[in-house]
Amino acid sequence: MADGLVVSDDVRAALAAGRPVVALESALIAHGLPRPQNLEVATLVEATVRDGGALPATVGVIGGRLVVGLDANQLELIACAENVRKCSRRDLPVAIANGEHGATTVAGTLAAMGLAGLRVLATGGIGGVHRGAELSFDVSADLVELARTRAIVVAAGAKAVLDLPRTLELLETLGVPVLGWRSDDFAAFYSGSSGLPVSSRVDSAADAARAARAAWDLDLAKGLLLAVPPPPDSALEREEVERAVAEALAAAEGRGLRGPALTPFLLDTVASATGGRSLQANVDLLQNNARVAAEVAFALTRDEGRYDAATTRW
């Protein structure tokens, strides 16, 4: 294993024993949520994975080492330290070479998972094709990384500030199956439905695991996206979200924002426009996705034949 990669002892032990593990990104901790709520949510999401019978493995860069399975002190460092680099795949070599701290995006986390052998990632929403990408060419590396990493990404679709139709079109072009969790529609992050169809519906974790195994056994696809609608009690109406996003995009255009700074600004602006309700929806969907991801990780591991149904033990 590469010198710059550190897999925690508990993650190593779980993988060796065939126990379910769920990877978690850290960019939302460092760059996606306000302090001190970011650390509270990170701890809550990890606890949700544990409650579901799986081991959480938050990924980040600590002092130039790519860590799969941050401990409590490392998690706090990512949440509280200044100048934590936002790390997509392209940023990892620089952060490692310079001995920096870094918070991994979905793409960065998938890259680490590929090195460590993890197969399930829980996040809020993936990155995708930005609105106006026909002029800016602003397309998230998450989509390309999904196409080349053998993993199931559990998310509430793509972030609501993105161009969802074009994001789905590009996922189709890249050969990434998009599965709807108990839904025929693509989840729209804060909203339960975007009005766009998924490529297939799954009604259980076992269904999702079977789809992944079929893809991997025949090498027909690497990554799969499992789109989970947000909890109905905190979901927002799509029309309200669209109004807030339009206002946020206009404000971003006025400031000339581009690149990595754009999405955090848009999400913060949408939160203000919705009176904070979008932030609460974000927290709720993160926890919900973690719960579903634990079920999927459990089903995947059971399919590998390491689970004894008679004793309900690994």
Protein backbone atom coordinates (compact mmCIF):
# COMPACT_ATOMS: atom_id res chain seq x y z
CA MET A 1 0.00 0.00 0.00
CA ALA A 2 1.29 3.49 -0.85
CA ASP A 3 3.24 5.35 1.84
CA GLY A 4 0.90 8.32 1.64
CA LEU A 5 -2.18 6.18 2.39
CA VAL A 6 -3.19 5.31 5.94
CA VAL A 7 -6.08 2.92 6.58
CA SER A 8 -7.11 2.95 10.23
CA ASP A 9 -6.78 -0.24 12.24
CA ASP A 10 -10.53 -0.64 12.72
CA VAL A 11 -11.20 -0.21 9.00
CA ARG A 12 -8.46 -2.72 8.17
CA ALA A 13 -9.91 -5.21 10.64
CA ALA A 14 -13.45 -4.76 9.31
CA LEU A 15 -12.35 -5.25 5.71
CA ALA A 16 -10.30 -8.32 6.60
CA ALA A 17 -13.28 -9.85 8.43
CA GLY A 18 -15.75 -8.94 5.68
CA ARG A 19 -17.76 -6.58 7.87
CA PRO A 20 -19.67 -3.68 6.27
CA VAL A 21 -17.88 -0.33 5.99
CA VAL A 22 -19.30 2.98 4.76
CA ALA A 23 -16.96 5.70 3.52
CA LEU A 24 -17.83 9.32 4.27
CA GLU A 25 -16.45 12.44 2.60
CA SER A 26 -15.03 15.31 4.64
CA ALA A 27 -15.41 18.32 2.32
CA LEU A 28 -18.91 18.92 3.66
CA ILE A 29 -17.40 19.08 7.16
CA ALA A 30 -14.71 21.61 6.29
CA HIS A 31 -16.48 23.56 3.55
CA GLY A 32 -20.16 22.63 3.42
CA LEU A 33 -21.54 23.29 6.90
CA PRO A 34 -21.09 26.15 9.38
CA ARG A 35 -19.14 25.74 12.62
CA PRO A 36 -19.73 24.25 15.14
CA GLN A 37 -22.60 22.41 13.47
CA ASN A 38 -20.20 20.80 11.01
CA LEU A 39 -18.50 18.67 13.67
CA GLU A 40 -21.83 17.84 15.32
CA VAL A 41 -23.24 16.63 12.00
CA ALA A 42 -20.09 14.66 11.16
CA THR A 43 -20.34 12.87 14.51
CA LEU A 44 -24.07 12.30 14.03
CA VAL A 45 -23.59 10.79 10.57
CA GLU A 46 -20.87 8.45 11.82
CA ALA A 47 -23.15 7.37 14.69
CA THR A 48 -25.98 6.72 12.21
CA VAL A 49 -23.74 4.39 10.20
CA ARG A 50 -22.77 2.53 13.38
CA ASP A 51 -26.42 2.24 14.44
CA GLY A 52 -27.05 0.60 11.06
CA GLY A 53 -24.50 -2.11 11.79
CA ALA A 54 -21.66 -0.77 9.63
CA LEU A 55 -18.36 0.92 10.38
CA PRO A 56 -18.00 4.57 9.31
CA ALA A 57 -14.75 5.52 7.57
CA THR A 58 -14.49 9.27 7.10
CA VAL A 59 -11.74 10.15 4.63
CA GLY A 60 -9.40 13.14 4.79
CA VAL A 61 -5.81 14.30 4.45
CA ILE A 62 -3.96 14.80 7.75
CA GLY A 63 -0.49 16.29 7.62
CA GLY A 64 0.08 15.04 4.11
CA ARG A 65 -1.27 11.54 4.62
CA LEU A 66 -4.48 10.30 3.02
CA VAL A 67 -6.40 8.74 5.89
CA VAL A 68 -9.28 6.30 5.45
CA GLY A 69 -11.02 6.19 8.82
CA LEU A 70 -10.39 9.46 10.68
CA ASP A 71 -10.36 9.21 14.47
CA ALA A 72 -12.19 11.69 16.71
CA ASN A 73 -9.22 14.07 17.00
CA GLN A 74 -8.61 14.05 13.25
CA LEU A 75 -12.30 14.66 12.58
CA GLU A 76 -12.20 17.68 14.90
CA LEU A 77 -9.08 18.97 13.16
CA ILE A 78 -10.78 18.84 9.74
CA ALA A 79 -13.83 20.60 11.19
CA CYS A 80 -11.97 23.36 13.03
CA ALA A 81 -8.60 24.00 11.36
CA GLU A 82 -8.06 26.97 9.07
CA ASN A 83 -6.85 26.57 5.47
CA VAL A 84 -7.97 22.97 5.02
CA ARG A 85 -7.55 22.26 1.31
CA LYS A 86 -10.65 21.07 -0.56
CA CYS A 87 -9.41 17.89 -2.22
CA SER A 88 -10.80 16.42 -5.38
CA ARG A 89 -8.70 13.70 -7.02
CA ARG A 90 -6.42 16.24 -8.71
CA ASP A 91 -5.66 17.99 -5.39
CA LEU A 92 -4.59 14.93 -3.41
CA PRO A 93 -1.00 14.71 -4.72
CA VAL A 94 -0.35 18.38 -3.92
CA ALA A 95 -1.86 18.15 -0.43
CA ILE A 96 0.17 15.02 0.28
CA ALA A 97 3.41 16.42 -1.14
CA ASN A 98 3.06 19.66 0.85
CA GLY A 99 2.12 17.96 4.13
CA GLU A 100 -1.23 19.75 4.24
CA HIS A 101 -4.57 19.00 5.81
CA GLY A 102 -7.30 18.31 3.27
CA ALA A 103 -11.01 17.56 3.14
CA THR A 104 -12.03 15.16 0.40
CA THR A 105 -14.89 15.74 -2.01
CA VAL A 106 -16.89 12.83 -3.41
CA ALA A 107 -14.27 12.47 -6.16
CA GLY A 108 -11.39 12.58 -3.68
CA THR A 109 -13.12 10.12 -1.39
CA LEU A 110 -13.83 7.72 -4.26
CA ALA A 111 -10.16 7.85 -5.24
CA ALA A 112 -9.18 6.89 -1.68
CA MET A 113 -11.81 4.15 -1.59
CA GLY A 114 -10.36 2.64 -4.75
CA LEU A 115 -6.97 2.42 -3.06
CA ALA A 116 -8.35 0.98 0.18
CA GLY A 117 -10.97 -1.38 -1.24
CA LEU A 118 -14.14 0.22 0.16
CA ARG A 119 -17.34 -0.12 -1.87
CA VAL A 120 -20.03 2.15 -0.35
CA LEU A 121 -19.96 5.93 0.07
CA ALA A 122 -22.61 8.06 1.77
CA THR A 123 -22.82 11.77 1.03
CA GLY A 124 -25.40 14.53 0.74
CA GLY A 125 -25.47 15.15 -3.00
CA ILE A 126 -22.91 14.57 -5.71
CA GLY A 127 -21.41 17.30 -7.85
CA GLY A 128 -22.41 17.42 -11.48
CA VAL A 129 -22.89 19.68 -14.48
CA HIS A 130 -23.19 23.31 -13.40
CA ARG A 131 -25.83 25.55 -14.90
CA GLY A 132 -24.29 27.41 -17.80
CA ALA A 133 -21.66 24.71 -18.30
CA GLU A 134 -22.04 25.08 -22.06
CA LEU A 135 -20.11 28.34 -21.59
CA SER A 136 -18.03 27.68 -18.46
CA PHE A 137 -17.29 23.95 -18.97
CA ASP A 138 -17.80 23.65 -15.19
CA VAL A 139 -18.43 19.94 -14.64
CA SER A 140 -17.63 18.21 -11.35
CA ALA A 141 -14.94 15.56 -11.23
CA ASP A 142 -17.39 13.50 -9.15
CA LEU A 143 -19.01 12.23 -12.34
CA VAL A 144 -15.78 11.00 -13.93
CA GLU A 145 -14.63 9.42 -10.67
CA LEU A 146 -17.96 7.60 -10.38
CA ALA A 147 -17.38 6.13 -13.81
CA ARG A 148 -13.98 4.68 -12.89
CA THR A 149 -14.33 3.61 -9.25
CA ARG A 150 -16.05 0.40 -8.21
CA ALA A 151 -18.46 1.75 -5.62
CA ILE A 152 -22.06 2.59 -4.80
CA VAL A 153 -22.56 6.26 -3.95
CA VAL A 154 -25.62 6.88 -1.80
CA ALA A 155 -26.82 10.47 -2.20
CA ALA A 156 -29.95 12.58 -2.48
CA GLY A 157 -29.23 12.92 -6.18
CA ALA A 158 -27.03 15.82 -7.26
CA LYS A 159 -26.85 19.19 -5.52
CA ALA A 160 -29.92 21.29 -6.29
CA VAL A 161 -27.87 24.22 -7.61
CA LEU A 162 -26.73 22.10 -10.59
CA ASP A 163 -28.18 21.42 -14.02
CA LEU A 164 -29.87 18.13 -13.19
CA PRO A 165 -30.99 17.11 -16.71
CA ARG A 166 -27.47 17.56 -18.07
CA THR A 167 -25.98 15.81 -15.05
CA LEU A 168 -28.14 12.78 -15.78
CA GLU A 169 -27.24 12.92 -19.46
CA LEU A 170 -23.54 12.89 -18.66
CA LEU A 171 -23.96 10.03 -16.18
CA GLU A 172 -25.65 8.06 -18.95
CA THR A 173 -22.80 8.87 -21.35
CA LEU A 174 -20.28 7.70 -18.75
CA GLY A 175 -22.19 4.45 -18.24
CA VAL A 176 -23.10 5.09 -14.59
CA PRO A 177 -26.37 3.40 -13.55
CA VAL A 178 -28.64 5.74 -11.60
CA LEU A 179 -30.86 3.82 -9.21
CA GLY A 180 -33.87 5.35 -7.49
CA TRP A 181 -34.34 4.32 -3.86
CA ARG A 182 -38.00 3.30 -3.74
CA SER A 183 -38.67 5.92 -6.39
CA ASP A 184 -38.89 6.15 -10.18
CA ASP A 185 -37.74 9.78 -10.11
CA PHE A 186 -34.31 11.29 -9.62
CA ALA A 187 -34.07 12.92 -6.19
CA ALA A 188 -33.40 16.66 -6.30
CA PHE A 189 -31.38 17.05 -3.08
CA TYR A 190 -33.68 19.25 -0.98
CA SER A 191 -36.72 17.98 -2.90
CA GLY A 192 -38.03 14.46 -3.28
CA SER A 193 -38.28 14.55 -7.06
CA SER A 194 -36.69 16.44 -9.93
CA GLY A 195 -39.33 15.20 -12.36
CA LEU A 196 -36.56 13.29 -14.17
CA PRO A 197 -36.53 9.48 -14.41
CA VAL A 198 -33.84 7.23 -13.00
CA SER A 199 -32.46 4.34 -15.05
CA SER A 200 -33.93 1.80 -12.62
CA ARG A 201 -35.82 1.64 -9.35
CA VAL A 202 -34.69 -0.44 -6.36
CA ASP A 203 -36.89 -1.14 -3.37
CA SER A 204 -34.34 -2.65 -0.99
CA ALA A 205 -30.67 -2.71 -0.14
CA ALA A 206 -30.54 -6.25 -1.49
CA ASP A 207 -31.78 -4.97 -4.87
CA ALA A 208 -29.07 -2.32 -4.93
CA ALA A 209 -26.40 -4.86 -3.98
CA ARG A 210 -27.52 -7.24 -6.73
CA ALA A 211 -27.34 -4.46 -9.31
CA ALA A 212 -23.82 -3.59 -8.20
CA ARG A 213 -22.68 -7.21 -8.27
CA ALA A 214 -24.10 -7.67 -11.77
CA ALA A 215 -22.24 -4.57 -12.95
CA TRP A 216 -18.97 -5.55 -11.30
CA ASP A 217 -19.00 -9.25 -12.16
CA LEU A 218 -19.31 -8.47 -15.88
CA ASP A 219 -17.33 -5.21 -15.67
CA LEU A 220 -20.25 -3.38 -17.29
CA ALA A 221 -19.97 -0.44 -14.90
CA LYS A 222 -17.76 0.70 -12.06
CA GLY A 223 -19.69 3.24 -10.00
CA LEU A 224 -23.43 3.28 -9.37
CA LEU A 225 -25.42 6.19 -7.99
CA LEU A 226 -28.23 5.35 -5.57
CA ALA A 227 -30.50 8.41 -5.44
CA VAL A 228 -32.38 8.57 -2.14
CA PRO A 229 -35.20 11.13 -1.71
CA PRO A 230 -34.79 13.32 1.38
CA PRO A 231 -37.05 12.64 4.38
CA PRO A 232 -40.54 14.01 3.56
CA ASP A 233 -40.80 15.93 6.84
CA SER A 234 -37.89 18.21 5.96
CA ALA A 235 -37.99 18.17 2.14
CA LEU A 236 -38.66 21.47 0.39
CA GLU A 237 -40.98 22.17 -2.51
CA ARG A 238 -39.10 22.13 -5.82
CA GLU A 239 -40.53 25.49 -6.89
CA GLU A 240 -39.25 27.18 -3.72
CA VAL A 241 -35.80 25.69 -4.22
CA GLU A 242 -35.69 26.83 -7.85
CA ARG A 243 -36.53 30.41 -6.84
CA ALA A 244 -33.81 30.39 -4.19
CA VAL A 245 -31.28 28.87 -6.60
CA ALA A 246 -32.06 31.49 -9.26
CA GLU A 247 -31.40 34.25 -6.73
CA ALA A 248 -28.18 32.58 -5.61
CA LEU A 249 -26.94 32.17 -9.17
CA ALA A 250 -27.59 35.83 -9.91
CA ALA A 251 -25.66 36.84 -6.79
CA ALA A 252 -22.77 34.55 -7.73
CA GLU A 253 -22.67 35.98 -11.24
CA GLY A 254 -22.53 39.47 -9.80
CA ARG A 255 -19.50 38.50 -7.74
CA GLY A 256 -17.82 36.65 -10.58
CA LEU A 257 -17.59 33.43 -8.57
CA ARG A 258 -16.28 30.32 -10.34
CA GLY A 259 -14.71 26.98 -9.49
CA PRO A 260 -14.53 25.43 -5.98
CA ALA A 261 -15.89 28.57 -4.27
CA LEU A 262 -19.12 28.53 -6.26
CA THR A 263 -21.05 25.63 -4.73
CA PRO A 264 -20.49 26.61 -1.06
CA PHE A 265 -21.60 30.16 -1.87
CA LEU A 266 -24.72 28.94 -3.65
CA LEU A 267 -25.67 26.60 -0.80
CA ASP A 268 -25.16 29.35 1.80
CA THR A 269 -27.26 31.76 -0.23
CA VAL A 270 -30.05 29.20 -0.67
CA ALA A 271 -29.98 28.59 3.10
CA SER A 272 -30.51 32.31 3.73
CA ALA A 273 -33.32 32.49 1.16
CA THR A 274 -35.16 29.57 2.79
CA GLY A 275 -34.76 30.82 6.33
CA GLY A 276 -32.36 28.03 7.19
CA ARG A 277 -34.77 25.27 6.21
CA SER A 278 -32.51 24.07 3.40
CA LEU A 279 -29.68 23.65 5.91
CA GLN A 280 -31.90 21.50 8.14
CA ALA A 281 -33.00 19.50 5.09
CA ASN A 282 -29.31 18.98 4.27
CA VAL A 283 -28.59 17.63 7.74
CA ASP A 284 -31.62 15.34 7.66
CA LEU A 285 -30.80 13.92 4.23
CA LEU A 286 -27.19 13.31 5.25
CA GLN A 287 -28.37 11.21 8.16
CA ASN A 288 -30.94 9.42 6.01
CA ASN A 289 -28.35 8.62 3.34
CA ALA A 290 -25.99 7.26 5.99
CA ARG A 291 -28.73 4.96 7.22
CA VAL A 292 -29.44 3.64 3.71
CA ALA A 293 -25.71 3.28 2.98
CA ALA A 294 -25.27 1.10 6.06
CA GLU A 295 -28.06 -1.18 4.78
CA VAL A 296 -26.44 -1.38 1.35
CA ALA A 297 -22.98 -2.10 2.81
CA PHE A 298 -24.52 -4.84 4.93
CA ALA A 299 -26.25 -6.36 1.87
CA LEU A 300 -23.06 -6.20 -0.21
CA THR A 301 -21.01 -7.92 2.46
CA ARG A 302 -23.68 -10.56 2.99
CA ASP A 303 -23.55 -11.32 -0.73
CA GLU A 304 -19.86 -12.10 -0.34
CA GLY A 305 -20.79 -15.09 1.81
CA ARG A 306 -19.29 -13.96 5.10
CA TYR A 307 -22.57 -13.60 6.96
CA ASP A 308 -24.02 -16.55 8.87
CA ALA A 309 -27.80 -16.20 8.68
CA ALA A 310 -28.32 -18.93 11.29
CA THR A 311 -26.36 -17.07 14.00
CA THR A 312 -26.81 -13.55 12.56
CA ARG A 313 -23.07 -13.09 13.04
CA TRP A 314 -20.17 -12.42 10.74
